[in-house]
Amino acid sequence: MTRNFTLRNWTLLAAISFGLGGEILLWLLIGGAPQHGLLMSLPVLTAYAATGAFTWWYLLRRDFEFSVWRGMVIGLVIGLIAPSVFWLLGTTVYFLVEKEFPVLDRVINPLEALRLLPQVTLVAWETLG
């Protein structure tokens, strides 16, 4: 029982930490509060928090012992996965509210977002990495 409680606390803390980190990254990249700031914040927060929580939950379930080097690897894995999750969530949110996606200045449907996912992921890795 104590192990499950500790696992849940660490997973929740990881979700909050990575979600806030993704939000800070967004505000540093877009600078200030543009007209799409709030609509972009929700997918970024969700993508980074979900990716961070899942990664921590997965590793802690398998008796993962934390160290600085392992923490760096976790951050790297989340940094590689979260931009793709953000792209899919962001384009879906903008599609549902029928607004133009700020990067491409047009409405993108989910199938087109899937088709563009490899290119967007590579650009995100080059930009953020």
Protein backbone atom coordinates (compact mmCIF):
# COMPACT_ATOMS: atom_id res chain seq x y z
CA MET A 1 0.00 0.00 0.00
CA THR A 2 2.82 2.40 0.89
CA ARG A 3 4.61 1.63 -2.37
CA ASN A 4 1.52 2.52 -4.45
CA PHE A 5 1.07 5.76 -2.52
CA THR A 6 4.73 6.72 -3.07
CA LEU A 7 4.52 5.76 -6.75
CA ARG A 8 1.43 7.93 -7.20
CA ASN A 9 3.05 10.91 -5.45
CA TRP A 10 6.20 10.74 -7.59
CA THR A 11 4.16 10.35 -10.77
CA LEU A 12 2.01 13.36 -9.89
CA LEU A 13 5.09 15.42 -9.04
CA ALA A 14 6.73 14.44 -12.35
CA ALA A 15 3.58 15.40 -14.28
CA ILE A 16 3.46 18.83 -12.63
CA SER A 17 7.19 19.42 -13.10
CA PHE A 18 7.33 18.43 -16.75
CA GLY A 19 4.07 20.25 -17.51
CA LEU A 20 5.44 23.48 -16.05
CA GLY A 21 8.74 22.94 -17.87
CA GLY A 22 6.90 22.59 -21.17
CA GLU A 23 4.90 25.72 -20.42
CA ILE A 24 8.05 27.72 -19.67
CA LEU A 25 9.58 26.43 -22.90
CA LEU A 26 6.52 27.56 -24.84
CA TRP A 27 6.60 31.06 -23.35
CA LEU A 28 10.32 31.37 -24.02
CA LEU A 29 9.85 30.34 -27.66
CA ILE A 30 6.82 32.48 -28.48
CA GLY A 31 7.83 35.40 -26.25
CA GLY A 32 5.12 37.05 -24.21
CA ALA A 33 1.43 36.40 -24.71
CA PRO A 34 0.44 36.39 -28.39
CA GLN A 35 -3.15 36.02 -29.50
CA HIS A 36 -2.85 32.21 -29.48
CA GLY A 37 -1.07 31.97 -26.12
CA LEU A 38 -3.87 30.39 -24.10
CA LEU A 39 -4.94 28.03 -26.88
CA MET A 40 -1.32 26.86 -27.27
CA SER A 41 -0.77 26.50 -23.52
CA LEU A 42 -3.35 23.77 -22.98
CA PRO A 43 -1.87 21.25 -25.48
CA VAL A 44 1.70 22.00 -24.34
CA LEU A 45 0.85 21.53 -20.68
CA THR A 46 -1.09 18.34 -21.40
CA ALA A 47 1.57 16.86 -23.69
CA TYR A 48 4.52 17.44 -21.37
CA ALA A 49 2.60 16.46 -18.22
CA ALA A 50 1.24 13.25 -19.74
CA THR A 51 4.59 12.26 -21.24
CA GLY A 52 6.43 13.00 -18.00
CA ALA A 53 3.90 11.19 -15.82
CA PHE A 54 3.82 8.11 -18.05
CA THR A 55 7.61 7.89 -18.22
CA TRP A 56 8.02 8.20 -14.45
CA TRP A 57 5.20 5.76 -13.75
CA TYR A 58 6.68 3.23 -16.17
CA LEU A 59 10.18 3.45 -14.71
CA LEU A 60 9.20 3.57 -11.03
CA ARG A 61 6.97 0.53 -11.46
CA ARG A 62 10.07 -1.43 -12.43
CA ASP A 63 12.08 -0.53 -9.29
CA PHE A 64 13.91 2.33 -10.96
CA GLU A 65 16.46 4.02 -8.69
CA PHE A 66 16.91 7.68 -9.41
CA SER A 67 20.31 9.28 -10.04
CA VAL A 68 21.43 12.42 -11.83
CA TRP A 69 22.40 10.55 -15.00
CA ARG A 70 19.15 8.63 -15.12
CA GLY A 71 17.25 11.87 -14.58
CA MET A 72 19.03 13.37 -17.56
CA VAL A 73 18.09 10.37 -19.69
CA ILE A 74 14.45 10.69 -18.60
CA GLY A 75 14.48 14.36 -19.57
CA LEU A 76 15.97 13.44 -22.94
CA VAL A 77 13.33 10.79 -23.60
CA ILE A 78 10.54 13.19 -22.68
CA GLY A 79 12.12 15.90 -24.81
CA LEU A 80 12.09 13.52 -27.78
CA ILE A 81 8.50 12.32 -27.33
CA ALA A 82 6.62 15.38 -26.05
CA PRO A 83 6.89 17.58 -29.19
CA SER A 84 5.14 14.88 -31.24
CA VAL A 85 2.41 14.54 -28.63
CA PHE A 86 2.06 18.33 -28.54
CA TRP A 87 1.76 18.52 -32.35
CA LEU A 88 -1.07 15.98 -32.38
CA LEU A 89 -2.89 17.57 -29.43
CA GLY A 90 -2.37 21.12 -30.69
CA THR A 91 -3.62 20.46 -34.20
CA THR A 92 -6.62 18.56 -32.83
CA VAL A 93 -7.55 21.40 -30.45
CA TYR A 94 -7.25 24.00 -33.20
CA PHE A 95 -9.24 21.77 -35.56
CA LEU A 96 -12.04 21.34 -33.00
CA VAL A 97 -12.32 25.10 -32.34
CA GLU A 98 -11.98 25.75 -36.09
CA LYS A 99 -9.08 28.20 -35.83
CA GLU A 100 -5.97 28.48 -37.94
CA PHE A 101 -2.91 26.79 -36.51
CA PRO A 102 -0.43 29.64 -35.86
CA VAL A 103 2.59 27.98 -37.45
CA LEU A 104 0.90 27.19 -40.78
CA ASP A 105 -1.81 29.90 -40.80
CA ARG A 106 -4.56 27.48 -41.80
CA VAL A 107 -6.83 24.87 -40.27
CA ILE A 108 -5.19 21.45 -40.28
CA ASN A 109 -7.31 18.31 -40.10
CA PRO A 110 -6.12 15.36 -37.98
CA LEU A 111 -5.17 13.20 -40.99
CA GLU A 112 -2.96 15.95 -42.37
CA ALA A 113 -1.42 16.36 -38.91
CA LEU A 114 -0.51 12.66 -38.93
CA ARG A 115 1.00 13.00 -42.38
CA LEU A 116 3.12 15.98 -41.26
CA LEU A 117 4.14 14.38 -37.94
CA PRO A 118 7.59 13.08 -39.05
CA GLN A 119 8.62 16.42 -40.56
CA VAL A 120 7.35 18.43 -37.60
CA THR A 121 9.10 16.09 -35.17
CA LEU A 122 12.43 16.47 -36.96
CA VAL A 123 12.09 20.27 -37.02
CA ALA A 124 11.22 20.28 -33.31
CA TRP A 125 14.26 18.17 -32.49
CA GLU A 126 16.51 20.49 -34.49
CA THR A 127 15.00 23.58 -32.90
CA LEU A 128 14.71 22.44 -29.30
CA GLY A 129 17.58 19.98 -29.20
